[in-house]
Amino acid sequence: MNARLEAALTHWVYVAPLLTPPSTEAEYNALVESLDALLDAGASDEFHPLATLAAMVGDLVSAYEQAHYPMPAPRCILATEPAPARC
């Protein structure tokens, strides 16, 4: 086993929750807090060392939100002109 893998295994207990899809609201909230902390630490800069981790966490948050908080279908808002046929 190489040194990089050994280091990863030593710290895995801390890293795994950041890379595991949330299955509960509490896990989702913890992931959102972690994402906020990553972004506050500068990970919104694509060249920051934590940028890739922030992107992965963001993907997990987004997937949970799409599954549990779907966007409602758009509604037509009628103006002074007649509505298009698709409304």
Protein backbone atom coordinates (compact mmCIF):
# COMPACT_ATOMS: atom_id res chain seq x y z
CA MET A 1 0.00 0.00 0.00
CA ASN A 2 1.41 3.39 -0.88
CA ALA A 3 1.73 6.35 1.51
CA ARG A 4 -1.04 8.35 -0.17
CA LEU A 5 -3.55 5.55 0.27
CA GLU A 6 -2.47 4.99 3.86
CA ALA A 7 -3.03 8.69 4.60
CA ALA A 8 -6.45 8.55 2.95
CA LEU A 9 -7.43 5.51 5.01
CA THR A 10 -6.34 7.24 8.20
CA HIS A 11 -8.58 10.23 7.47
CA TRP A 12 -11.41 8.38 5.71
CA VAL A 13 -13.73 8.52 8.72
CA TYR A 14 -13.71 12.33 8.34
CA VAL A 15 -13.87 12.45 4.55
CA ALA A 16 -16.47 9.74 3.87
CA PRO A 17 -19.48 11.78 5.08
CA LEU A 18 -18.56 14.47 2.54
CA LEU A 19 -18.64 11.98 -0.34
CA THR A 20 -21.66 9.90 0.67
CA PRO A 21 -25.09 10.78 -0.74
CA PRO A 22 -27.38 11.93 2.08
CA SER A 23 -30.28 9.64 2.90
CA THR A 24 -31.88 11.73 5.63
CA GLU A 25 -32.72 15.39 6.14
CA ALA A 26 -30.07 15.57 8.91
CA GLU A 27 -27.38 14.21 6.59
CA TYR A 28 -28.49 16.65 3.89
CA ASN A 29 -28.30 19.59 6.33
CA ALA A 30 -24.83 18.51 7.46
CA LEU A 31 -23.71 18.31 3.83
CA VAL A 32 -25.08 21.79 3.10
CA GLU A 33 -23.19 23.14 6.12
CA SER A 34 -20.03 21.45 4.90
CA LEU A 35 -20.48 22.92 1.44
CA ASP A 36 -20.95 26.38 2.94
CA ALA A 37 -17.75 25.93 4.97
CA LEU A 38 -15.84 24.80 1.88
CA LEU A 39 -17.02 27.81 -0.08
CA ASP A 40 -16.17 30.13 2.82
CA ALA A 41 -12.68 28.62 2.82
CA GLY A 42 -12.21 29.69 -0.78
CA ALA A 43 -13.28 26.58 -2.66
CA SER A 44 -15.49 28.62 -4.99
CA ASP A 45 -12.23 29.52 -6.80
CA GLU A 46 -11.71 26.73 -9.33
CA PHE A 47 -7.96 26.76 -8.63
CA HIS A 48 -8.35 26.32 -4.86
CA PRO A 49 -7.18 22.91 -3.56
CA LEU A 50 -10.70 22.21 -2.17
CA ALA A 51 -12.57 23.22 -5.34
CA THR A 52 -13.00 19.65 -6.57
CA LEU A 53 -14.31 18.52 -3.19
CA ALA A 54 -16.75 21.45 -3.15
CA ALA A 55 -17.99 20.47 -6.62
CA MET A 56 -18.55 16.87 -5.51
CA VAL A 57 -20.38 17.93 -2.36
CA GLY A 58 -22.43 20.38 -4.42
CA ASP A 59 -23.43 17.58 -6.79
CA LEU A 60 -24.62 15.46 -3.84
CA VAL A 61 -26.61 18.39 -2.41
CA SER A 62 -28.15 19.10 -5.81
CA ALA A 63 -29.14 15.45 -6.36
CA TYR A 64 -30.83 15.32 -2.93
CA GLU A 65 -32.69 18.56 -3.63
CA GLN A 66 -33.90 17.36 -7.03
CA ALA A 67 -35.18 14.13 -5.49
CA HIS A 68 -36.79 15.65 -2.39
CA TYR A 69 -37.67 19.23 -3.41
CA PRO A 70 -38.68 19.08 -7.07
CA MET A 71 -39.38 22.32 -8.85
CA PRO A 72 -43.06 22.84 -9.63
CA ALA A 73 -44.08 22.90 -13.27
CA PRO A 74 -43.99 26.42 -14.74
CA ARG A 75 -47.26 28.29 -15.02
CA CYS A 76 -48.17 30.77 -17.67
CA ILE A 77 -48.60 34.34 -16.52
CA LEU A 78 -51.00 36.17 -18.75
CA ALA A 79 -50.14 39.69 -19.76
CA THR A 80 -52.19 42.20 -21.72
CA GLU A 81 -51.72 40.21 -24.92
CA PRO A 82 -53.45 36.89 -25.58
CA ALA A 83 -51.67 33.87 -24.15
CA PRO A 84 -49.78 31.54 -26.48
CA ALA A 85 -51.56 28.32 -27.41
CA ARG A 86 -49.36 26.24 -25.07
CA CYS A 87 -50.72 27.98 -21.92
